[in-house]
């Protein structure tokens, strides 16, 4: 079967094989369902032009390698770092990237706010099912080069989270969000991509020490 979105079909089939294993770090193992909720959902991010053109991407809290492994399969000219704090998941990502034949995907076993190698170097940062918007902005902003983008996969976002996300973005040198509705597969009508661009400087003191973004997130007011 042809992979959607221009991703390498053999690589996607290898990913679906890996996700079908009971040991895969996901609750979705069925191949047909995974093709929708994992692969098509990940590829919806390529509707953001800056992500589609990126040559350096950090996928934060990558979990089962999503969306990072799919993006690596779709963007062979890009280098993708999949940042994951759980050793078992990072090892799974590394093994799956090898099974997919991806030389441009690299698992990084660390917390997002502790990864120093990517500071100020990423064209794009991605995050899916990881944290609230203010936390994601704090994780991502120090990694983004000027003009880089943060793409957050979200469902419904309540008013409080949106206000906090906008407040965090203003502190961290990021733009107001560009909110894009996407329908990567039938039944996903509430899916949104929240896109922040780095338009200013990240203040000294960020990233804060590990755990602080979650414990004391930046908030509106």
C-alpha atoms as a PDB file:
ATOM      1  CA  UNK A   1       0.000   0.000   0.000  1.00  0.00           C
ATOM      2  CA  UNK A   2       1.263   3.486  -0.819  1.00  0.00           C
ATOM      3  CA  UNK A   3       2.107   5.598   2.188  1.00  0.00           C
ATOM      4  CA  UNK A   4       0.274   8.927   2.453  1.00  0.00           C
ATOM      5  CA  UNK A   5       1.980  12.295   2.250  1.00  0.00           C
ATOM      6  CA  UNK A   6       5.047  11.194   0.303  1.00  0.00           C
ATOM      7  CA  UNK A   7       6.600   9.200   3.156  1.00  0.00           C
ATOM      8  CA  UNK A   8       8.738   6.232   2.131  1.00  0.00           C
ATOM      9  CA  UNK A   9       6.243   3.320   1.873  1.00  0.00           C
ATOM     10  CA  UNK A  10       8.680   0.638   3.027  1.00  0.00           C
ATOM     11  CA  UNK A  11       9.659   2.696   6.048  1.00  0.00           C
ATOM     12  CA  UNK A  12       6.019   3.262   6.995  1.00  0.00           C
ATOM     13  CA  UNK A  13       5.210  -0.438   6.684  1.00  0.00           C
ATOM     14  CA  UNK A  14       8.178  -1.223   8.954  1.00  0.00           C
ATOM     15  CA  UNK A  15       6.872   1.318  11.472  1.00  0.00           C
ATOM     16  CA  UNK A  16       3.412  -0.250  11.383  1.00  0.00           C
ATOM     17  CA  UNK A  17       5.017  -3.673  11.932  1.00  0.00           C
ATOM     18  CA  UNK A  18       6.806  -2.313  15.001  1.00  0.00           C
ATOM     19  CA  UNK A  19       3.694  -0.607  16.360  1.00  0.00           C
ATOM     20  CA  UNK A  20       1.738  -3.869  15.980  1.00  0.00           C
ATOM     21  CA  UNK A  21       3.975  -5.547  18.556  1.00  0.00           C
ATOM     22  CA  UNK A  22       2.496  -5.807  22.063  1.00  0.00           C
ATOM     23  CA  UNK A  23       5.780  -4.353  23.326  1.00  0.00           C
ATOM     24  CA  UNK A  24       5.380  -1.121  21.377  1.00  0.00           C
ATOM     25  CA  UNK A  25       4.861   1.927  23.671  1.00  0.00           C
ATOM     26  CA  UNK A  26       1.395   2.732  22.340  1.00  0.00           C
ATOM     27  CA  UNK A  27      -2.181   1.682  23.004  1.00  0.00           C
ATOM     28  CA  UNK A  28      -2.891   1.532  19.248  1.00  0.00           C
ATOM     29  CA  UNK A  29      -1.487  -1.653  17.715  1.00  0.00           C
ATOM     30  CA  UNK A  30      -3.990  -2.385  14.933  1.00  0.00           C
ATOM     31  CA  UNK A  31      -2.333  -1.563  11.608  1.00  0.00           C
ATOM     32  CA  UNK A  32      -5.358   0.067   9.994  1.00  0.00           C
ATOM     33  CA  UNK A  33      -6.062   2.242  13.002  1.00  0.00           C
ATOM     34  CA  UNK A  34      -2.380   3.088  13.474  1.00  0.00           C
ATOM     35  CA  UNK A  35      -2.136   4.179   9.846  1.00  0.00           C
ATOM     36  CA  UNK A  36      -4.784   6.810  10.648  1.00  0.00           C
ATOM     37  CA  UNK A  37      -4.124   7.922  14.218  1.00  0.00           C
ATOM     38  CA  UNK A  38      -0.342   7.719  14.039  1.00  0.00           C
ATOM     39  CA  UNK A  39       0.851   8.018  10.417  1.00  0.00           C
ATOM     40  CA  UNK A  40      -1.789  10.265   8.824  1.00  0.00           C
ATOM     41  CA  UNK A  41      -1.964  12.379  11.963  1.00  0.00           C
ATOM     42  CA  UNK A  42       1.805  12.894  11.949  1.00  0.00           C
ATOM     43  CA  UNK A  43       1.839  13.772   8.259  1.00  0.00           C
ATOM     44  CA  UNK A  44      -0.788  16.477   8.807  1.00  0.00           C
ATOM     45  CA  UNK A  45       2.030  18.539  10.300  1.00  0.00           C
ATOM     46  CA  UNK A  46       3.522  18.926   6.830  1.00  0.00           C
ATOM     47  CA  UNK A  47       0.712  21.384   6.091  1.00  0.00           C
ATOM     48  CA  UNK A  48       2.910  23.860   8.015  1.00  0.00           C
ATOM     49  CA  UNK A  49       5.333  25.084   5.320  1.00  0.00           C
ATOM     50  CA  UNK A  50       8.206  25.719   7.739  1.00  0.00           C
ATOM     51  CA  UNK A  51       8.007  22.155   9.048  1.00  0.00           C
ATOM     52  CA  UNK A  52       7.863  20.712   5.535  1.00  0.00           C
ATOM     53  CA  UNK A  53      11.011  22.699   4.654  1.00  0.00           C
ATOM     54  CA  UNK A  54      12.888  22.048   7.924  1.00  0.00           C
ATOM     55  CA  UNK A  55      16.309  20.452   7.875  1.00  0.00           C
ATOM     56  CA  UNK A  56      16.672  20.095  11.658  1.00  0.00           C
ATOM     57  CA  UNK A  57      13.729  18.869  13.743  1.00  0.00           C
ATOM     58  CA  UNK A  58      13.443  17.997  17.441  1.00  0.00           C
ATOM     59  CA  UNK A  59      10.469  15.812  18.363  1.00  0.00           C
ATOM     60  CA  UNK A  60       9.919  16.241  22.109  1.00  0.00           C
ATOM     61  CA  UNK A  61       8.471  13.508  24.322  1.00  0.00           C
ATOM     62  CA  UNK A  62       8.552  11.256  21.308  1.00  0.00           C
ATOM     63  CA  UNK A  63       7.067   8.186  23.028  1.00  0.00           C
ATOM     64  CA  UNK A  64       6.505   5.677  20.228  1.00  0.00           C
ATOM     65  CA  UNK A  65       8.482   7.888  17.845  1.00  0.00           C
ATOM     66  CA  UNK A  66       5.520   9.967  16.797  1.00  0.00           C
ATOM     67  CA  UNK A  67       5.416  12.167  14.889  1.00  0.00           C
ATOM     68  CA  UNK A  68       9.220  12.104  14.581  1.00  0.00           C
ATOM     69  CA  UNK A  69       9.741   8.779  12.817  1.00  0.00           C
ATOM     70  CA  UNK A  70       7.012   9.538  10.300  1.00  0.00           C
ATOM     71  CA  UNK A  71       8.482  12.975   9.604  1.00  0.00           C
ATOM     72  CA  UNK A  72      11.929  11.429   9.151  1.00  0.00           C
ATOM     73  CA  UNK A  73      10.458   9.014   6.594  1.00  0.00           C
ATOM     74  CA  UNK A  74       8.740  11.869   4.759  1.00  0.00           C
ATOM     75  CA  UNK A  75      11.670  14.325   4.909  1.00  0.00           C
ATOM     76  CA  UNK A  76      14.848  12.406   4.030  1.00  0.00           C
ATOM     77  CA  UNK A  77      16.881  15.630   3.769  1.00  0.00           C
ATOM     78  CA  UNK A  78      16.050  16.548   7.376  1.00  0.00           C
ATOM     79  CA  UNK A  79      17.775  15.323  10.524  1.00  0.00           C
ATOM     80  CA  UNK A  80      15.281  14.425  13.224  1.00  0.00           C
ATOM     81  CA  UNK A  81      16.157  14.079  16.900  1.00  0.00           C
ATOM     82  CA  UNK A  82      13.555  12.164  18.909  1.00  0.00           C
ATOM     83  CA  UNK A  83      13.899  13.318  22.513  1.00  0.00           C
ATOM     84  CA  UNK A  84      12.467  10.878  25.057  1.00  0.00           C
ATOM     85  CA  UNK A  85      13.062  10.719  28.823  1.00  0.00           C
ATOM     86  CA  UNK A  86      12.122   7.037  29.290  1.00  0.00           C
ATOM     87  CA  UNK A  87      15.036   4.726  28.478  1.00  0.00           C
ATOM     88  CA  UNK A  88      12.821   1.851  27.289  1.00  0.00           C
ATOM     89  CA  UNK A  89      11.001   4.110  24.842  1.00  0.00           C
ATOM     90  CA  UNK A  90      14.215   5.695  23.593  1.00  0.00           C
ATOM     91  CA  UNK A  91      15.666   2.240  22.955  1.00  0.00           C
ATOM     92  CA  UNK A  92      12.466   1.234  21.123  1.00  0.00           C
ATOM     93  CA  UNK A  93      12.678   4.361  18.961  1.00  0.00           C
ATOM     94  CA  UNK A  94      16.309   3.638  18.085  1.00  0.00           C
ATOM     95  CA  UNK A  95      15.557   0.032  17.132  1.00  0.00           C
ATOM     96  CA  UNK A  96      12.507   1.043  15.098  1.00  0.00           C
ATOM     97  CA  UNK A  97      14.401   3.761  13.236  1.00  0.00           C
ATOM     98  CA  UNK A  98      16.961   1.117  12.266  1.00  0.00           C
ATOM     99  CA  UNK A  99      14.199  -1.274  11.137  1.00  0.00           C
ATOM    100  CA  UNK A 100      12.735   1.540   9.026  1.00  0.00           C
ATOM    101  CA  UNK A 101      16.111   2.158   7.398  1.00  0.00           C
ATOM    102  CA  UNK A 102      16.200   5.760   8.596  1.00  0.00           C
ATOM    103  CA  UNK A 103      19.693   7.168   8.783  1.00  0.00           C
ATOM    104  CA  UNK A 104      18.324  10.631   9.570  1.00  0.00           C
ATOM    105  CA  UNK A 105      16.458   9.757  12.812  1.00  0.00           C
ATOM    106  CA  UNK A 106      18.310   9.812  16.124  1.00  0.00           C
ATOM    107  CA  UNK A 107      16.899   8.823  19.525  1.00  0.00           C
ATOM    108  CA  UNK A 108      18.012  11.052  22.422  1.00  0.00           C
ATOM    109  CA  UNK A 109      17.512   9.677  25.912  1.00  0.00           C
ATOM    110  CA  UNK A 110      17.001  12.767  28.068  1.00  0.00           C
ATOM    111  CA  UNK A 111      14.390  15.238  29.248  1.00  0.00           C
ATOM    112  CA  UNK A 112      13.500  17.981  26.791  1.00  0.00           C
ATOM    113  CA  UNK A 113      14.724  20.771  29.070  1.00  0.00           C
ATOM    114  CA  UNK A 114      18.016  18.957  29.729  1.00  0.00           C
ATOM    115  CA  UNK A 115      19.025  18.515  26.061  1.00  0.00           C
ATOM    116  CA  UNK A 116      21.773  21.035  25.432  1.00  0.00           C
ATOM    117  CA  UNK A 117      23.054  19.830  22.048  1.00  0.00           C
ATOM    118  CA  UNK A 118      20.054  21.283  20.245  1.00  0.00           C
ATOM    119  CA  UNK A 119      19.989  24.730  21.868  1.00  0.00           C
ATOM    120  CA  UNK A 120      19.253  27.420  19.292  1.00  0.00           C
ATOM    121  CA  UNK A 121      19.760  24.996  16.411  1.00  0.00           C
ATOM    122  CA  UNK A 122      16.352  23.625  15.407  1.00  0.00           C
ATOM    123  CA  UNK A 123      14.411  24.744  12.357  1.00  0.00           C
ATOM    124  CA  UNK A 124      11.356  23.065  13.874  1.00  0.00           C
ATOM    125  CA  UNK A 125      10.263  21.509  17.148  1.00  0.00           C
ATOM    126  CA  UNK A 126       7.300  19.129  17.304  1.00  0.00           C
ATOM    127  CA  UNK A 127       5.231  17.798  20.195  1.00  0.00           C
ATOM    128  CA  UNK A 128       2.243  15.474  20.204  1.00  0.00           C
ATOM    129  CA  UNK A 129       0.256  14.423  23.300  1.00  0.00           C
ATOM    130  CA  UNK A 130       2.992  15.702  25.613  1.00  0.00           C
ATOM    131  CA  UNK A 131       1.949  18.670  27.774  1.00  0.00           C
ATOM    132  CA  UNK A 132      -0.034  21.902  27.996  1.00  0.00           C
ATOM    133  CA  UNK A 133       0.850  24.781  25.678  1.00  0.00           C
ATOM    134  CA  UNK A 134       2.858  26.886  28.189  1.00  0.00           C
ATOM    135  CA  UNK A 135       5.013  23.875  29.033  1.00  0.00           C
ATOM    136  CA  UNK A 136       5.577  23.072  25.367  1.00  0.00           C
ATOM    137  CA  UNK A 137       6.574  26.666  24.641  1.00  0.00           C
ATOM    138  CA  UNK A 138       9.108  26.583  27.475  1.00  0.00           C
ATOM    139  CA  UNK A 139      10.561  23.263  26.359  1.00  0.00           C
ATOM    140  CA  UNK A 140      10.807  24.344  22.731  1.00  0.00           C
ATOM    141  CA  UNK A 141      11.808  28.010  22.675  1.00  0.00           C
ATOM    142  CA  UNK A 142      15.442  27.500  23.764  1.00  0.00           C
ATOM    143  CA  UNK A 143      15.898  24.867  21.040  1.00  0.00           C
ATOM    144  CA  UNK A 144      14.519  26.976  18.179  1.00  0.00           C
ATOM    145  CA  UNK A 145      16.706  29.076  15.929  1.00  0.00           C
ATOM    146  CA  UNK A 146      15.422  32.596  15.128  1.00  0.00           C
ATOM    147  CA  UNK A 147      12.543  32.110  12.685  1.00  0.00           C
ATOM    148  CA  UNK A 148      12.072  28.488  13.712  1.00  0.00           C
ATOM    149  CA  UNK A 149       8.681  26.981  14.450  1.00  0.00           C
ATOM    150  CA  UNK A 150       7.045  24.933  17.177  1.00  0.00           C
ATOM    151  CA  UNK A 151       4.213  22.691  15.955  1.00  0.00           C
ATOM    152  CA  UNK A 152       1.947  21.230  18.660  1.00  0.00           C
ATOM    153  CA  UNK A 153      -0.634  18.566  17.813  1.00  0.00           C
ATOM    154  CA  UNK A 154      -3.729  19.281  19.918  1.00  0.00           C
ATOM    155  CA  UNK A 155      -7.375  18.385  20.295  1.00  0.00           C
ATOM    156  CA  UNK A 156      -9.683  20.881  21.952  1.00  0.00           C
ATOM    157  CA  UNK A 157      -7.804  23.545  23.931  1.00  0.00           C
ATOM    158  CA  UNK A 158      -9.717  25.336  26.674  1.00  0.00           C
ATOM    159  CA  UNK A 159      -9.566  29.093  27.248  1.00  0.00           C
ATOM    160  CA  UNK A 160      -7.263  28.803  30.248  1.00  0.00           C
ATOM    161  CA  UNK A 161      -4.648  26.743  28.424  1.00  0.00           C
ATOM    162  CA  UNK A 162      -4.796  29.059  25.421  1.00  0.00           C
ATOM    163  CA  UNK A 163      -4.323  32.157  27.596  1.00  0.00           C
ATOM    164  CA  UNK A 164      -1.397  30.552  29.416  1.00  0.00           C
ATOM    165  CA  UNK A 165       0.149  29.460  26.126  1.00  0.00           C
ATOM    166  CA  UNK A 166      -0.076  32.964  24.704  1.00  0.00           C
ATOM    167  CA  UNK A 167       1.428  34.416  27.897  1.00  0.00           C
ATOM    168  CA  UNK A 168       4.289  31.919  27.865  1.00  0.00           C
ATOM    169  CA  UNK A 169       4.972  32.607  24.205  1.00  0.00           C
ATOM    170  CA  UNK A 170       5.217  36.356  24.833  1.00  0.00           C
ATOM    171  CA  UNK A 171       7.767  35.788  27.622  1.00  0.00           C
ATOM    172  CA  UNK A 172       9.841  33.330  25.579  1.00  0.00           C
ATOM    173  CA  UNK A 173      10.256  35.287  22.348  1.00  0.00           C
ATOM    174  CA  UNK A 174       7.575  33.374  20.460  1.00  0.00           C
ATOM    175  CA  UNK A 175       4.725  34.679  18.331  1.00  0.00           C
ATOM    176  CA  UNK A 176       1.042  34.380  19.069  1.00  0.00           C
ATOM    177  CA  UNK A 177      -0.115  30.971  17.855  1.00  0.00           C
ATOM    178  CA  UNK A 178      -1.311  30.279  14.351  1.00  0.00           C
ATOM    179  CA  UNK A 179      -4.063  27.704  14.963  1.00  0.00           C
ATOM    180  CA  UNK A 180      -4.761  25.376  12.041  1.00  0.00           C
ATOM    181  CA  UNK A 181      -7.630  22.896  11.857  1.00  0.00           C
ATOM    182  CA  UNK A 182      -6.689  19.631  10.165  1.00  0.00           C
ATOM    183  CA  UNK A 183      -8.645  16.466   9.404  1.00  0.00           C
ATOM    184  CA  UNK A 184      -5.973  13.808   8.840  1.00  0.00           C
ATOM    185  CA  UNK A 185      -8.508  10.967   8.872  1.00  0.00           C
ATOM    186  CA  UNK A 186     -12.306  10.580   9.236  1.00  0.00           C
ATOM    187  CA  UNK A 187     -13.459  11.343  12.757  1.00  0.00           C
ATOM    188  CA  UNK A 188     -10.567  13.666  13.603  1.00  0.00           C
ATOM    189  CA  UNK A 189     -12.455  16.890  13.043  1.00  0.00           C
ATOM    190  CA  UNK A 190     -11.337  18.384  16.379  1.00  0.00           C
ATOM    191  CA  UNK A 191      -7.633  18.063  15.531  1.00  0.00           C
ATOM    192  CA  UNK A 192      -5.646  21.298  15.539  1.00  0.00           C
ATOM    193  CA  UNK A 193      -2.040  22.300  14.996  1.00  0.00           C
ATOM    194  CA  UNK A 194      -0.807  25.153  17.171  1.00  0.00           C
ATOM    195  CA  UNK A 195       2.108  26.844  15.446  1.00  0.00           C
ATOM    196  CA  UNK A 196       4.427  29.247  17.276  1.00  0.00           C
ATOM    197  CA  UNK A 197       7.322  31.037  15.589  1.00  0.00           C
ATOM    198  CA  UNK A 198      10.447  32.332  17.267  1.00  0.00           C
ATOM    199  CA  UNK A 199      10.361  36.081  16.656  1.00  0.00           C
ATOM    200  CA  UNK A 200      12.505  37.365  19.545  1.00  0.00           C
ATOM    201  CA  UNK A 201      15.155  36.437  22.053  1.00  0.00           C
ATOM    202  CA  UNK A 202      14.731  33.726  24.664  1.00  0.00           C
ATOM    203  CA  UNK A 203      15.394  35.326  28.069  1.00  0.00           C
ATOM    204  CA  UNK A 204      18.332  34.305  30.198  1.00  0.00           C
ATOM    205  CA  UNK A 205      17.396  31.559  32.649  1.00  0.00           C
ATOM    206  CA  UNK A 206      15.596  29.377  30.124  1.00  0.00           C
ATOM    207  CA  UNK A 207      15.421  26.488  30.008  1.00  0.00           C
ATOM    208  CA  UNK A 208      14.807  26.343  33.734  1.00  0.00           C
ATOM    209  CA  UNK A 209      16.067  23.349  35.669  1.00  0.00           C
ATOM    210  CA  UNK A 210      14.440  19.985  35.067  1.00  0.00           C
ATOM    211  CA  UNK A 211      10.817  19.703  36.138  1.00  0.00           C
ATOM    212  CA  UNK A 212      10.181  23.406  36.699  1.00  0.00           C
ATOM    213  CA  UNK A 213       8.169  23.945  33.514  1.00  0.00           C
ATOM    214  CA  UNK A 214       5.667  21.347  34.714  1.00  0.00           C
ATOM    215  CA  UNK A 215       5.765  22.269  38.378  1.00  0.00           C
ATOM    216  CA  UNK A 216       5.531  26.026  37.889  1.00  0.00           C
ATOM    217  CA  UNK A 217       4.341  26.692  34.342  1.00  0.00           C
ATOM    218  CA  UNK A 218       4.278  30.218  32.983  1.00  0.00           C
ATOM    219  CA  UNK A 219       0.724  31.550  33.227  1.00  0.00           C
ATOM    220  CA  UNK A 220      -1.398  34.456  32.108  1.00  0.00           C
ATOM    221  CA  UNK A 221      -1.786  37.218  34.661  1.00  0.00           C
END
